[in-house]
Amino acid sequence: MTNESPRWYKSSYSSNGGDCVEVATNVATTTGAVPVRDSKQVGGPTLTVSTDAFSSFVDGVNAGRFDTV
């Protein structure tokens, strides 16, 4: 088991407006979870989401289930 540090990134679709979240998917294989944080609060709390829940969310985004227009 490795003790890999999270490598945070935000979507390339994010603008520089500051209202972004960052994820660290590199630790998902070893932890079974994806940490998520506010890009403005890098030292603040993180939300940990199971890999299954994160995959379902990404699938929903890709399918347009969260479109508001």
PDB file of N, CA and C in Angstrom:
ATOM      1  N   MET A   1       0.852  -1.184   0.000  1.00  0.00           N
ATOM      2  CA  MET A   1       0.000   0.000   0.000  1.00  0.00           C
ATOM      3  C   MET A   1       0.892   1.240   0.000  1.00  0.00           C
ATOM      4  N   THR A   2       0.535   2.195  -0.819  1.00  0.00           N
ATOM      5  CA  THR A   2       1.325   3.421  -0.894  1.00  0.00           C
ATOM      6  C   THR A   2       0.640   4.528  -0.112  1.00  0.00           C
ATOM      7  N   ASN A   3       1.411   5.514   0.238  1.00  0.00           N
ATOM      8  CA  ASN A   3       0.895   6.680   0.939  1.00  0.00           C
ATOM      9  C   ASN A   3       1.005   7.885   0.012  1.00  0.00           C
ATOM     10  N   GLU A   4       0.408   7.769  -1.157  1.00  0.00           N
ATOM     11  CA  GLU A   4       0.518   8.802  -2.186  1.00  0.00           C
ATOM     12  C   GLU A   4      -0.214  10.074  -1.777  1.00  0.00           C
ATOM     13  N   SER A   5       0.409  11.206  -2.049  1.00  0.00           N
ATOM     14  CA  SER A   5      -0.211  12.502  -1.774  1.00  0.00           C
ATOM     15  C   SER A   5      -1.201  12.847  -2.884  1.00  0.00           C
ATOM     16  N   PRO A   6      -2.303  13.487  -2.534  1.00  0.00           N
ATOM     17  CA  PRO A   6      -3.270  13.899  -3.556  1.00  0.00           C
ATOM     18  C   PRO A   6      -2.649  14.908  -4.516  1.00  0.00           C
ATOM     19  N   ARG A   7      -2.923  14.725  -5.808  1.00  0.00           N
ATOM     20  CA  ARG A   7      -2.548  15.708  -6.839  1.00  0.00           C
ATOM     21  C   ARG A   7      -3.840  16.384  -7.262  1.00  0.00           C
ATOM     22  N   TRP A   8      -4.037  17.595  -6.805  1.00  0.00           N
ATOM     23  CA  TRP A   8      -5.276  18.322  -7.022  1.00  0.00           C
ATOM     24  C   TRP A   8      -5.319  18.937  -8.410  1.00  0.00           C
ATOM     25  N   TYR A   9      -6.485  18.888  -9.033  1.00  0.00           N
ATOM     26  CA  TYR A   9      -6.687  19.589 -10.298  1.00  0.00           C
ATOM     27  C   TYR A   9      -8.146  19.985 -10.432  1.00  0.00           C
ATOM     28  N   LYS A  10      -8.382  20.971 -11.264  1.00  0.00           N
ATOM     29  CA  LYS A  10      -9.756  21.358 -11.578  1.00  0.00           C
ATOM     30  C   LYS A  10      -9.974  21.181 -13.070  1.00  0.00           C
ATOM     31  N   SER A  11     -11.201  21.148 -13.456  1.00  0.00           N
ATOM     32  CA  SER A  11     -11.571  20.923 -14.843  1.00  0.00           C
ATOM     33  C   SER A  11     -10.978  21.982 -15.759  1.00  0.00           C
ATOM     34  N   SER A  12     -10.625  21.560 -16.944  1.00  0.00           N
ATOM     35  CA  SER A  12     -10.140  22.511 -17.945  1.00  0.00           C
ATOM     36  C   SER A  12     -11.277  23.434 -18.400  1.00  0.00           C
ATOM     37  N   TYR A  13     -12.518  23.088 -18.082  1.00  0.00           N
ATOM     38  CA  TYR A  13     -13.664  23.927 -18.418  1.00  0.00           C
ATOM     39  C   TYR A  13     -13.868  25.043 -17.399  1.00  0.00           C
ATOM     40  N   SER A  14     -13.154  24.981 -16.283  1.00  0.00           N
ATOM     41  CA  SER A  14     -13.292  26.009 -15.249  1.00  0.00           C
ATOM     42  C   SER A  14     -12.699  27.314 -15.725  1.00  0.00           C
ATOM     43  N   SER A  15     -13.399  28.387 -15.423  1.00  0.00           N
ATOM     44  CA  SER A  15     -12.844  29.703 -15.719  1.00  0.00           C
ATOM     45  C   SER A  15     -12.032  30.149 -14.513  1.00  0.00           C
ATOM     46  N   ASN A  16     -11.407  31.287 -14.604  1.00  0.00           N
ATOM     47  CA  ASN A  16     -10.627  31.789 -13.492  1.00  0.00           C
ATOM     48  C   ASN A  16     -11.470  32.640 -12.555  1.00  0.00           C
ATOM     49  N   GLY A  17     -12.768  32.415 -12.502  1.00  0.00           N
ATOM     50  CA  GLY A  17     -13.650  33.185 -11.647  1.00  0.00           C
ATOM     51  C   GLY A  17     -13.552  32.832 -10.178  1.00  0.00           C
ATOM     52  N   GLY A  18     -12.915  31.712  -9.858  1.00  0.00           N
ATOM     53  CA  GLY A  18     -12.712  31.340  -8.475  1.00  0.00           C
ATOM     54  C   GLY A  18     -13.789  30.452  -7.884  1.00  0.00           C
ATOM     55  N   ASP A  19     -14.861  30.164  -8.613  1.00  0.00           N
ATOM     56  CA  ASP A  19     -15.927  29.300  -8.095  1.00  0.00           C
ATOM     57  C   ASP A  19     -15.736  27.880  -8.605  1.00  0.00           C
ATOM     58  N   CYS A  20     -14.662  27.256  -8.181  1.00  0.00           N
ATOM     59  CA  CYS A  20     -14.307  25.944  -8.713  1.00  0.00           C
ATOM     60  C   CYS A  20     -14.101  24.937  -7.584  1.00  0.00           C
ATOM     61  N   VAL A  21     -14.224  23.694  -7.938  1.00  0.00           N
ATOM     62  CA  VAL A  21     -13.829  22.619  -7.038  1.00  0.00           C
ATOM     63  C   VAL A  21     -12.640  21.915  -7.667  1.00  0.00           C
ATOM     64  N   GLU A  22     -11.846  21.294  -6.826  1.00  0.00           N
ATOM     65  CA  GLU A  22     -10.706  20.507  -7.275  1.00  0.00           C
ATOM     66  C   GLU A  22     -10.891  19.079  -6.786  1.00  0.00           C
ATOM     67  N   VAL A  23     -10.384  18.137  -7.553  1.00  0.00           N
ATOM     68  CA  VAL A  23     -10.439  16.729  -7.176  1.00  0.00           C
ATOM     69  C   VAL A  23      -9.044  16.138  -7.256  1.00  0.00           C
ATOM     70  N   ALA A  24      -8.847  15.049  -6.545  1.00  0.00           N
ATOM     71  CA  ALA A  24      -7.559  14.348  -6.569  1.00  0.00           C
ATOM     72  C   ALA A  24      -7.829  12.877  -6.859  1.00  0.00           C
ATOM     73  N   THR A  25      -8.065  12.586  -8.131  1.00  0.00           N
ATOM     74  CA  THR A  25      -8.425  11.220  -8.515  1.00  0.00           C
ATOM     75  C   THR A  25      -7.254  10.246  -8.445  1.00  0.00           C
ATOM     76  N   ASN A  26      -6.044  10.757  -8.306  1.00  0.00           N
ATOM     77  CA  ASN A  26      -4.882   9.861  -8.291  1.00  0.00           C
ATOM     78  C   ASN A  26      -4.872   8.926  -7.077  1.00  0.00           C
ATOM     79  N   VAL A  27      -5.589   9.251  -6.021  1.00  0.00           N
ATOM     80  CA  VAL A  27      -5.598   8.397  -4.832  1.00  0.00           C
ATOM     81  C   VAL A  27      -6.779   7.429  -4.808  1.00  0.00           C
ATOM     82  N   ALA A  28      -7.627   7.479  -5.808  1.00  0.00           N
ATOM     83  CA  ALA A  28      -8.849   6.665  -5.823  1.00  0.00           C
ATOM     84  C   ALA A  28      -8.558   5.164  -5.790  1.00  0.00           C
ATOM     85  N   THR A  29      -7.564   4.723  -6.500  1.00  0.00           N
ATOM     86  CA  THR A  29      -7.271   3.289  -6.558  1.00  0.00           C
ATOM     87  C   THR A  29      -6.852   2.743  -5.205  1.00  0.00           C
ATOM     88  N   THR A  30      -6.040   3.488  -4.491  1.00  0.00           N
ATOM     89  CA  THR A  30      -5.542   2.997  -3.202  1.00  0.00           C
ATOM     90  C   THR A  30      -6.487   3.260  -2.041  1.00  0.00           C
ATOM     91  N   THR A  31      -7.343   4.282  -2.146  1.00  0.00           N
ATOM     92  CA  THR A  31      -8.214   4.631  -1.022  1.00  0.00           C
ATOM     93  C   THR A  31      -9.679   4.259  -1.237  1.00  0.00           C
ATOM     94  N   GLY A  32     -10.082   4.065  -2.492  1.00  0.00           N
ATOM     95  CA  GLY A  32     -11.480   3.790  -2.787  1.00  0.00           C
ATOM     96  C   GLY A  32     -12.356   5.025  -2.711  1.00  0.00           C
ATOM     97  N   ALA A  33     -11.707   6.197  -2.696  1.00  0.00           N
ATOM     98  CA  ALA A  33     -12.447   7.447  -2.574  1.00  0.00           C
ATOM     99  C   ALA A  33     -11.754   8.552  -3.353  1.00  0.00           C
ATOM    100  N   VAL A  34     -12.534   9.583  -3.686  1.00  0.00           N
ATOM    101  CA  VAL A  34     -12.011  10.755  -4.392  1.00  0.00           C
ATOM    102  C   VAL A  34     -12.198  11.968  -3.483  1.00  0.00           C
ATOM    103  N   PRO A  35     -11.107  12.598  -3.056  1.00  0.00           N
ATOM    104  CA  PRO A  35     -11.263  13.820  -2.270  1.00  0.00           C
ATOM    105  C   PRO A  35     -11.621  15.004  -3.169  1.00  0.00           C
ATOM    106  N   VAL A  36     -12.479  15.879  -2.641  1.00  0.00           N
ATOM    107  CA  VAL A  36     -12.944  17.060  -3.357  1.00  0.00           C
ATOM    108  C   VAL A  36     -12.775  18.252  -2.423  1.00  0.00           C
ATOM    109  N   ARG A  37     -12.331  19.408  -2.961  1.00  0.00           N
ATOM    110  CA  ARG A  37     -12.170  20.600  -2.128  1.00  0.00           C
ATOM    111  C   ARG A  37     -12.503  21.855  -2.906  1.00  0.00           C
ATOM    112  N   ASP A  38     -12.721  22.935  -2.185  1.00  0.00           N
ATOM    113  CA  ASP A  38     -12.955  24.256  -2.753  1.00  0.00           C
ATOM    114  C   ASP A  38     -11.601  24.814  -3.186  1.00  0.00           C
ATOM    115  N   SER A  39     -11.494  25.246  -4.431  1.00  0.00           N
ATOM    116  CA  SER A  39     -10.212  25.738  -4.942  1.00  0.00           C
ATOM    117  C   SER A  39      -9.740  27.004  -4.233  1.00  0.00           C
ATOM    118  N   LYS A  40     -10.666  27.728  -3.593  1.00  0.00           N
ATOM    119  CA  LYS A  40     -10.278  28.940  -2.864  1.00  0.00           C
ATOM    120  C   LYS A  40      -9.796  28.630  -1.453  1.00  0.00           C
ATOM    121  N   GLN A  41     -10.066  27.433  -0.968  1.00  0.00           N
ATOM    122  CA  GLN A  41      -9.729  27.040   0.403  1.00  0.00           C
ATOM    123  C   GLN A  41      -8.830  25.810   0.386  1.00  0.00           C
ATOM    124  N   VAL A  42      -7.666  25.934  -0.218  1.00  0.00           N
ATOM    125  CA  VAL A  42      -6.800  24.761  -0.399  1.00  0.00           C
ATOM    126  C   VAL A  42      -6.363  24.130   0.914  1.00  0.00           C
ATOM    127  N   GLY A  43      -6.326  24.890   1.988  1.00  0.00           N
ATOM    128  CA  GLY A  43      -5.988  24.327   3.284  1.00  0.00           C
ATOM    129  C   GLY A  43      -7.206  23.964   4.107  1.00  0.00           C
ATOM    130  N   GLY A  44      -8.371  24.153   3.526  1.00  0.00           N
ATOM    131  CA  GLY A  44      -9.622  23.916   4.234  1.00  0.00           C
ATOM    132  C   GLY A  44     -10.052  22.467   4.178  1.00  0.00           C
ATOM    133  N   PRO A  45     -11.283  22.220   4.545  1.00  0.00           N
ATOM    134  CA  PRO A  45     -11.783  20.843   4.596  1.00  0.00           C
ATOM    135  C   PRO A  45     -11.949  20.237   3.206  1.00  0.00           C
ATOM    136  N   THR A  46     -11.937  18.929   3.179  1.00  0.00           N
ATOM    137  CA  THR A  46     -12.205  18.195   1.940  1.00  0.00           C
ATOM    138  C   THR A  46     -13.413  17.295   2.153  1.00  0.00           C
ATOM    139  N   LEU A  47     -14.088  17.034   1.077  1.00  0.00           N
ATOM    140  CA  LEU A  47     -15.197  16.098   1.060  1.00  0.00           C
ATOM    141  C   LEU A  47     -14.678  14.834   0.404  1.00  0.00           C
ATOM    142  N   THR A  48     -14.881  13.705   1.020  1.00  0.00           N
ATOM    143  CA  THR A  48     -14.415  12.449   0.455  1.00  0.00           C
ATOM    144  C   THR A  48     -15.611  11.693  -0.105  1.00  0.00           C
ATOM    145  N   VAL A  49     -15.553  11.373  -1.386  1.00  0.00           N
ATOM    146  CA  VAL A  49     -16.648  10.719  -2.096  1.00  0.00           C
ATOM    147  C   VAL A  49     -16.180   9.343  -2.547  1.00  0.00           C
ATOM    148  N   SER A  50     -17.008   8.338  -2.360  1.00  0.00           N
ATOM    149  CA  SER A  50     -16.622   6.997  -2.817  1.00  0.00           C
ATOM    150  C   SER A  50     -16.404   7.008  -4.328  1.00  0.00           C
ATOM    151  N   THR A  51     -15.571   6.106  -4.800  1.00  0.00           N
ATOM    152  CA  THR A  51     -15.297   6.057  -6.240  1.00  0.00           C
ATOM    153  C   THR A  51     -16.562   5.740  -7.029  1.00  0.00           C
ATOM    154  N   ASP A  52     -17.444   4.901  -6.477  1.00  0.00           N
ATOM    155  CA  ASP A  52     -18.700   4.590  -7.170  1.00  0.00           C
ATOM    156  C   ASP A  52     -19.578   5.828  -7.306  1.00  0.00           C
ATOM    157  N   ALA A  53     -19.694   6.594  -6.221  1.00  0.00           N
ATOM    158  CA  ALA A  53     -20.510   7.816  -6.257  1.00  0.00           C
ATOM    159  C   ALA A  53     -19.905   8.840  -7.206  1.00  0.00           C
ATOM    160  N   PHE A  54     -18.588   8.976  -7.194  1.00  0.00           N
ATOM    161  CA  PHE A  54     -17.931   9.936  -8.082  1.00  0.00           C
ATOM    162  C   PHE A  54     -18.125   9.533  -9.539  1.00  0.00           C
ATOM    163  N   SER A  55     -17.989   8.255  -9.828  1.00  0.00           N
ATOM    164  CA  SER A  55     -18.208   7.776 -11.197  1.00  0.00           C
ATOM    165  C   SER A  55     -19.634   8.029 -11.656  1.00  0.00           C
ATOM    166  N   SER A  56     -20.599   7.809 -10.769  1.00  0.00           N
ATOM    167  CA  SER A  56     -22.002   8.080 -11.108  1.00  0.00           C
ATOM    168  C   SER A  56     -22.227   9.561 -11.382  1.00  0.00           C
ATOM    169  N   PHE A  57     -21.600  10.413 -10.582  1.00  0.00           N
ATOM    170  CA  PHE A  57     -21.714  11.853 -10.795  1.00  0.00           C
ATOM    171  C   PHE A  57     -21.139  12.249 -12.158  1.00  0.00           C
ATOM    172  N   VAL A  58     -19.943  11.769 -12.474  1.00  0.00           N
ATOM    173  CA  VAL A  58     -19.311  12.094 -13.762  1.00  0.00           C
ATOM    174  C   VAL A  58     -20.162  11.572 -14.912  1.00  0.00           C
ATOM    175  N   ASP A  59     -20.705  10.363 -14.779  1.00  0.00           N
ATOM    176  CA  ASP A  59     -21.590   9.834 -15.821  1.00  0.00           C
ATOM    177  C   ASP A  59     -22.810  10.736 -16.005  1.00  0.00           C
ATOM    178  N   GLY A  60     -23.382  11.228 -14.903  1.00  0.00           N
ATOM    179  CA  GLY A  60     -24.533  12.124 -14.980  1.00  0.00           C
ATOM    180  C   GLY A  60     -24.197  13.438 -15.657  1.00  0.00           C
ATOM    181  N   VAL A  61     -23.032  13.973 -15.346  1.00  0.00           N
ATOM    182  CA  VAL A  61     -22.589  15.215 -16.001  1.00  0.00           C
ATOM    183  C   VAL A  61     -22.444  14.981 -17.500  1.00  0.00           C
ATOM    184  N   ASN A  62     -21.777  13.902 -17.856  1.00  0.00           N
ATOM    185  CA  ASN A  62     -21.555  13.602 -19.277  1.00  0.00           C
ATOM    186  C   ASN A  62     -22.865  13.348 -20.022  1.00  0.00           C
ATOM    187  N   ALA A  63     -23.866  12.824 -19.322  1.00  0.00           N
ATOM    188  CA  ALA A  63     -25.163  12.549 -19.949  1.00  0.00           C
ATOM    189  C   ALA A  63     -26.071  13.776 -19.966  1.00  0.00           C
ATOM    190  N   GLY A  64     -25.639  14.877 -19.342  1.00  0.00           N
ATOM    191  CA  GLY A  64     -26.427  16.095 -19.339  1.00  0.00           C
ATOM    192  C   GLY A  64     -27.539  16.123 -18.317  1.00  0.00           C
ATOM    193  N   ARG A  65     -27.505  15.220 -17.330  1.00  0.00           N
ATOM    194  CA  ARG A  65     -28.585  15.151 -16.332  1.00  0.00           C
ATOM    195  C   ARG A  65     -28.635  16.338 -15.400  1.00  0.00           C
ATOM    196  N   PHE A  66     -27.577  17.127 -15.356  1.00  0.00           N
ATOM    197  CA  PHE A  66     -27.551  18.275 -14.452  1.00  0.00           C
ATOM    198  C   PHE A  66     -27.624  19.607 -15.189  1.00  0.00           C
ATOM    199  N   ASP A  67     -27.886  19.553 -16.471  1.00  0.00           N
ATOM    200  CA  ASP A  67     -28.003  20.791 -17.257  1.00  0.00           C
ATOM    201  C   ASP A  67     -29.207  21.587 -16.748  1.00  0.00           C
ATOM    202  N   THR A  68     -29.026  22.892 -16.645  1.00  0.00           N
ATOM    203  CA  THR A  68     -30.099  23.740 -16.125  1.00  0.00           C
ATOM    204  C   THR A  68     -30.813  24.515 -17.220  1.00  0.00           C
ATOM    205  N   VAL A  69     -30.339  24.420 -18.435  1.00  0.00           N
ATOM    206  CA  VAL A  69     -30.972  25.158 -19.531  1.00  0.00           C
ATOM    207  C   VAL A  69     -31.678  24.210 -20.455  1.00  0.00           C
TER     208      VAL A  69
END
